[in-house]
Structure formats: C-alpha cells, structure tokens
Amino acid sequence: MTMANSSDPLAGDALVKEVCRRIRVARSYWDAHNNAACRGEREKALALYHQLTKEQKDKIPQTLRVWLRYRSEKYFGAHRTPPKAKGRSGKGHNRQPL
C-alpha cells in the first residue's frame, strides 16, 4: 500500500476520516486547555467539513459534528473577542514597587 502525497486533495472516505481525525485532535487540545492549537485544528477541520457532501457528513459521528458546529462555535465563533497577541499577559505591568 502506498501513502498518498500530502499535496493530493482528499476525497471520499479518506476526506471523512481526515475530518474526524482533525476534530478529535481539536477536542484533545480543548481538553488540555490549549486554545490556540484547538482554534487552528478546528479551523482546518471546519474547512474540510465544508467540502463534504450531505451523505459524507452523515458518516461523521454525531458527537464530533455537534462539537465542531455548535459547542466550539460558542467559544471560537466570529462574535468572540480574538485571542491576544503573544508576549503580553497584561498582569503586573503597572504595579508600583513596595
């Protein structure tokens, strides 16, 4: 069995399998409280999910579909405040010395 080139577009069952894998990875980042990585994986999974036909979407387990479309949308949707830039935590910068 040969491995497909990473530049080859996914199709059919391979695309469904990749969407499921990416959603599971995003959920594992979510569980680990790694929001930046979760956001990135979720965006990749969502982009692939939008390529699926209705029949292919039905092959994805419901728990994964619900997490991708609804629960994560609550926290990562466009209506949310974007993540802050790295390097500034905002804590303790204006404190006076004792």
N, C-alpha and C. Protein backbone atom coordinates (compact mmCIF):
# COMPACT_ATOMS: atom_id res chain seq x y z
N MET A 1 0.84 -1.17 0.00
CA MET A 1 0.00 0.00 0.00
C MET A 1 0.89 1.24 0.00
N THR A 2 0.61 2.18 -0.88
CA THR A 2 1.41 3.39 -0.95
C THR A 2 0.70 4.52 -0.23
N MET A 3 1.48 5.39 0.35
CA MET A 3 0.91 6.54 1.04
C MET A 3 0.65 7.64 0.02
N ALA A 4 -0.48 8.32 0.16
CA ALA A 4 -0.81 9.41 -0.74
C ALA A 4 0.08 10.60 -0.44
N ASN A 5 0.41 11.33 -1.47
CA ASN A 5 1.20 12.54 -1.32
C ASN A 5 0.39 13.57 -0.55
N SER A 6 1.02 14.29 0.37
CA SER A 6 0.28 15.25 1.19
C SER A 6 -0.30 16.39 0.36
N SER A 7 0.21 16.60 -0.86
CA SER A 7 -0.35 17.66 -1.70
C SER A 7 -1.57 17.17 -2.48
N ASP A 8 -1.82 15.85 -2.49
CA ASP A 8 -3.00 15.33 -3.17
C ASP A 8 -4.25 15.70 -2.37
N PRO A 9 -5.29 16.19 -3.06
CA PRO A 9 -6.52 16.50 -2.33
C PRO A 9 -7.21 15.22 -1.85
N LEU A 10 -7.80 15.30 -0.68
CA LEU A 10 -8.51 14.15 -0.13
C LEU A 10 -9.89 14.09 -0.75
N ALA A 11 -10.41 12.87 -0.85
CA ALA A 11 -11.76 12.69 -1.39
C ALA A 11 -12.36 11.43 -0.78
N GLY A 12 -13.68 11.36 -0.84
CA GLY A 12 -14.39 10.16 -0.40
C GLY A 12 -14.19 9.85 1.06
N ASP A 13 -13.98 8.57 1.34
CA ASP A 13 -13.83 8.11 2.72
C ASP A 13 -12.56 8.67 3.38
N ALA A 14 -11.52 8.92 2.58
CA ALA A 14 -10.30 9.50 3.14
C ALA A 14 -10.56 10.90 3.68
N LEU A 15 -11.40 11.66 3.00
CA LEU A 15 -11.75 13.01 3.46
C LEU A 15 -12.57 12.94 4.75
N VAL A 16 -13.51 12.02 4.80
CA VAL A 16 -14.33 11.84 6.01
C VAL A 16 -13.43 11.46 7.19
N LYS A 17 -12.51 10.54 6.95
CA LYS A 17 -11.60 10.08 8.00
C LYS A 17 -10.71 11.23 8.49
N GLU A 18 -10.24 12.06 7.59
CA GLU A 18 -9.38 13.19 7.96
C GLU A 18 -10.16 14.23 8.77
N VAL A 19 -11.40 14.48 8.39
CA VAL A 19 -12.24 15.42 9.16
C VAL A 19 -12.41 14.90 10.59
N CYS A 20 -12.73 13.63 10.73
CA CYS A 20 -12.90 13.03 12.07
C CYS A 20 -11.62 13.14 12.88
N ARG A 21 -10.49 12.86 12.23
CA ARG A 21 -9.20 12.93 12.92
C ARG A 21 -8.93 14.35 13.41
N ARG A 22 -9.15 15.33 12.55
CA ARG A 22 -8.89 16.72 12.93
C ARG A 22 -9.80 17.19 14.05
N ILE A 23 -11.06 16.77 14.02
CA ILE A 23 -11.98 17.15 15.10
C ILE A 23 -11.52 16.53 16.41
N ARG A 24 -11.09 15.27 16.36
CA ARG A 24 -10.60 14.62 17.59
C ARG A 24 -9.35 15.30 18.13
N VAL A 25 -8.46 15.71 17.23
CA VAL A 25 -7.25 16.43 17.66
C VAL A 25 -7.65 17.75 18.30
N ALA A 26 -8.57 18.47 17.67
CA ALA A 26 -9.02 19.75 18.23
C ALA A 26 -9.64 19.55 19.61
N ARG A 27 -10.43 18.50 19.76
CA ARG A 27 -11.05 18.21 21.07
C ARG A 27 -10.00 17.88 22.12
N SER A 28 -8.95 17.18 21.71
CA SER A 28 -7.89 16.85 22.69
C SER A 28 -7.16 18.13 23.13
N TYR A 29 -6.94 19.06 22.19
CA TYR A 29 -6.35 20.35 22.56
C TYR A 29 -7.30 21.12 23.47
N TRP A 30 -8.59 21.04 23.18
CA TRP A 30 -9.60 21.71 24.01
C TRP A 30 -9.55 21.16 25.44
N ASP A 31 -9.51 19.85 25.56
CA ASP A 31 -9.46 19.21 26.88
C ASP A 31 -8.19 19.58 27.64
N ALA A 32 -7.11 19.85 26.90
CA ALA A 32 -5.84 20.22 27.52
C ALA A 32 -5.74 21.73 27.75
N HIS A 33 -6.80 22.47 27.46
CA HIS A 33 -6.85 23.93 27.62
C HIS A 33 -5.83 24.64 26.75
N ASN A 34 -5.52 24.08 25.60
CA ASN A 34 -4.61 24.69 24.65
C ASN A 34 -5.46 25.34 23.56
N ASN A 35 -6.00 26.52 23.87
CA ASN A 35 -6.98 27.14 22.99
C ASN A 35 -6.43 27.55 21.63
N ALA A 36 -5.20 28.01 21.58
CA ALA A 36 -4.64 28.44 20.31
C ALA A 36 -4.53 27.26 19.34
N ALA A 37 -4.01 26.15 19.82
CA ALA A 37 -3.87 24.96 18.97
C ALA A 37 -5.25 24.42 18.61
N CYS A 38 -6.18 24.46 19.57
CA CYS A 38 -7.54 23.99 19.32
C CYS A 38 -8.19 24.82 18.22
N ARG A 39 -8.02 26.12 18.29
CA ARG A 39 -8.60 27.02 17.29
C ARG A 39 -8.08 26.68 15.89
N GLY A 40 -6.77 26.46 15.79
CA GLY A 40 -6.17 26.14 14.49
C GLY A 40 -6.68 24.83 13.92
N GLU A 41 -6.71 23.80 14.75
CA GLU A 41 -7.21 22.49 14.28
C GLU A 41 -8.69 22.56 13.93
N ARG A 42 -9.45 23.30 14.72
CA ARG A 42 -10.88 23.42 14.46
C ARG A 42 -11.11 24.10 13.11
N GLU A 43 -10.34 25.13 12.81
CA GLU A 43 -10.48 25.83 11.53
C GLU A 43 -10.15 24.89 10.36
N LYS A 44 -9.12 24.08 10.51
CA LYS A 44 -8.75 23.12 9.46
C LYS A 44 -9.86 22.08 9.29
N ALA A 45 -10.38 21.58 10.41
CA ALA A 45 -11.45 20.58 10.35
C ALA A 45 -12.70 21.18 9.71
N LEU A 46 -13.02 22.41 10.06
CA LEU A 46 -14.20 23.06 9.52
C LEU A 46 -14.07 23.29 8.02
N ALA A 47 -12.88 23.67 7.57
CA ALA A 47 -12.65 23.88 6.14
C ALA A 47 -12.86 22.57 5.37
N LEU A 48 -12.35 21.47 5.91
CA LEU A 48 -12.55 20.17 5.27
C LEU A 48 -14.01 19.73 5.36
N TYR A 49 -14.65 20.01 6.49
CA TYR A 49 -16.05 19.63 6.70
C TYR A 49 -16.95 20.27 5.65
N HIS A 50 -16.65 21.50 5.28
CA HIS A 50 -17.47 22.20 4.29
C HIS A 50 -17.31 21.62 2.88
N GLN A 51 -16.29 20.79 2.67
CA GLN A 51 -16.09 20.12 1.38
C GLN A 51 -16.92 18.85 1.25
N LEU A 52 -17.45 18.36 2.36
CA LEU A 52 -18.19 17.10 2.36
C LEU A 52 -19.59 17.25 1.78
N THR A 53 -20.07 16.17 1.18
CA THR A 53 -21.47 16.12 0.73
C THR A 53 -22.33 15.79 1.94
N LYS A 54 -23.64 15.90 1.79
CA LYS A 54 -24.55 15.58 2.89
C LYS A 54 -24.37 14.12 3.33
N GLU A 55 -24.22 13.22 2.38
CA GLU A 55 -24.05 11.80 2.71
C GLU A 55 -22.75 11.57 3.49
N GLN A 56 -21.68 12.28 3.11
CA GLN A 56 -20.41 12.14 3.80
C GLN A 56 -20.49 12.72 5.22
N LYS A 57 -21.19 13.84 5.36
CA LYS A 57 -21.36 14.44 6.69
C LYS A 57 -22.10 13.49 7.62
N ASP A 58 -23.04 12.71 7.07
CA ASP A 58 -23.79 11.76 7.88
C ASP A 58 -22.91 10.62 8.39
N LYS A 59 -21.75 10.40 7.75
CA LYS A 59 -20.83 9.35 8.18
C LYS A 59 -20.00 9.77 9.40
N ILE A 60 -19.95 11.07 9.68
CA ILE A 60 -19.19 11.56 10.82
C ILE A 60 -20.03 11.36 12.08
N PRO A 61 -19.45 10.79 13.14
CA PRO A 61 -20.22 10.57 14.36
C PRO A 61 -20.86 11.86 14.87
N GLN A 62 -22.08 11.73 15.36
CA GLN A 62 -22.85 12.90 15.77
C GLN A 62 -22.13 13.72 16.84
N THR A 63 -21.47 13.06 17.78
CA THR A 63 -20.79 13.81 18.84
C THR A 63 -19.71 14.73 18.27
N LEU A 64 -19.03 14.26 17.22
CA LEU A 64 -18.00 15.09 16.60
C LEU A 64 -18.62 16.26 15.84
N ARG A 65 -19.70 15.98 15.12
CA ARG A 65 -20.39 17.04 14.38
C ARG A 65 -20.92 18.12 15.32
N VAL A 66 -21.52 17.69 16.42
CA VAL A 66 -22.09 18.64 17.37
C VAL A 66 -20.98 19.51 17.96
N TRP A 67 -19.88 18.89 18.35
CA TRP A 67 -18.79 19.66 18.93
C TRP A 67 -18.25 20.67 17.92
N LEU A 68 -18.06 20.23 16.70
CA LEU A 68 -17.49 21.12 15.68
C LEU A 68 -18.41 22.29 15.36
N ARG A 69 -19.68 22.03 15.19
CA ARG A 69 -20.59 23.08 14.72
C ARG A 69 -21.16 23.94 15.81
N TYR A 70 -21.44 23.38 16.97
CA TYR A 70 -22.17 24.14 17.98
C TYR A 70 -21.33 24.50 19.20
N ARG A 71 -20.85 23.51 19.90
CA ARG A 71 -20.15 23.81 21.15
C ARG A 71 -18.93 24.67 20.92
N SER A 72 -18.11 24.30 19.95
CA SER A 72 -16.90 25.09 19.72
C SER A 72 -17.22 26.45 19.13
N GLU A 73 -18.33 26.56 18.41
CA GLU A 73 -18.74 27.86 17.86
C GLU A 73 -19.00 28.85 18.99
N LYS A 74 -19.51 28.36 20.10
CA LYS A 74 -19.78 29.22 21.25
C LYS A 74 -18.50 29.90 21.72
N TYR A 75 -17.39 29.18 21.67
CA TYR A 75 -16.15 29.71 22.19
C TYR A 75 -15.23 30.29 21.12
N PHE A 76 -15.35 29.83 19.88
CA PHE A 76 -14.43 30.27 18.84
C PHE A 76 -15.11 31.00 17.69
N GLY A 77 -16.40 31.30 17.82
CA GLY A 77 -17.14 31.94 16.74
C GLY A 77 -16.67 33.35 16.46
N ALA A 78 -17.14 33.90 15.35
CA ALA A 78 -16.74 35.24 14.92
C ALA A 78 -17.17 36.32 15.91
N HIS A 79 -18.19 36.04 16.70
CA HIS A 79 -18.68 37.03 17.66
C HIS A 79 -17.77 37.16 18.89
N ARG A 80 -16.80 36.25 19.04
CA ARG A 80 -15.92 36.25 20.20
C ARG A 80 -14.76 37.23 20.01
N THR A 81 -14.21 37.69 21.11
CA THR A 81 -13.04 38.54 21.07
C THR A 81 -11.86 37.70 20.58
N PRO A 82 -11.10 38.20 19.61
CA PRO A 82 -9.96 37.42 19.11
C PRO A 82 -8.90 37.23 20.19
N PRO A 83 -8.05 36.20 20.04
CA PRO A 83 -7.02 35.96 21.04
C PRO A 83 -6.04 37.12 21.09
N LYS A 84 -5.45 37.33 22.26
CA LYS A 84 -4.47 38.40 22.44
C LYS A 84 -3.14 38.02 21.81
N ALA A 85 -2.36 39.04 21.49
CA ALA A 85 -1.04 38.80 20.91
C ALA A 85 -0.14 38.17 21.96
N LYS A 86 0.78 37.33 21.51
CA LYS A 86 1.72 36.69 22.43
C LYS A 86 2.71 37.72 22.96
N GLY A 87 3.22 37.43 24.15
CA GLY A 87 4.26 38.28 24.70
C GLY A 87 3.77 39.22 25.78
N ARG A 88 2.48 39.49 25.85
CA ARG A 88 1.95 40.39 26.88
C ARG A 88 0.84 39.68 27.61
N SER A 89 1.03 39.48 28.87
CA SER A 89 -0.03 38.85 29.66
C SER A 89 -0.95 39.89 30.27
N GLY A 90 -0.46 41.13 30.39
CA GLY A 90 -1.27 42.19 30.96
C GLY A 90 -1.29 42.18 32.48
N LYS A 91 -0.59 41.26 33.08
CA LYS A 91 -0.59 41.15 34.54
C LYS A 91 0.68 41.77 35.10
N GLY A 92 0.50 42.66 36.06
CA GLY A 92 1.63 43.18 36.81
C GLY A 92 2.46 44.25 36.12
N HIS A 93 2.05 44.74 34.97
CA HIS A 93 2.86 45.73 34.27
C HIS A 93 2.78 47.12 34.91
N ASN A 94 1.70 47.44 35.58
CA ASN A 94 1.52 48.76 36.14
C ASN A 94 1.68 48.79 37.67
N ARG A 95 2.25 47.79 38.23
CA ARG A 95 2.40 47.73 39.69
C ARG A 95 3.52 48.64 40.16
N GLN A 96 3.28 49.27 41.29
CA GLN A 96 4.29 50.10 41.93
C GLN A 96 5.13 49.22 42.86
N PRO A 97 6.43 49.47 42.97
CA PRO A 97 7.25 48.69 43.90
C PRO A 97 6.85 49.01 45.33
N LEU A 98 6.99 48.03 46.21
CA LEU A 98 6.62 48.22 47.62
C LEU A 98 7.63 49.03 48.37
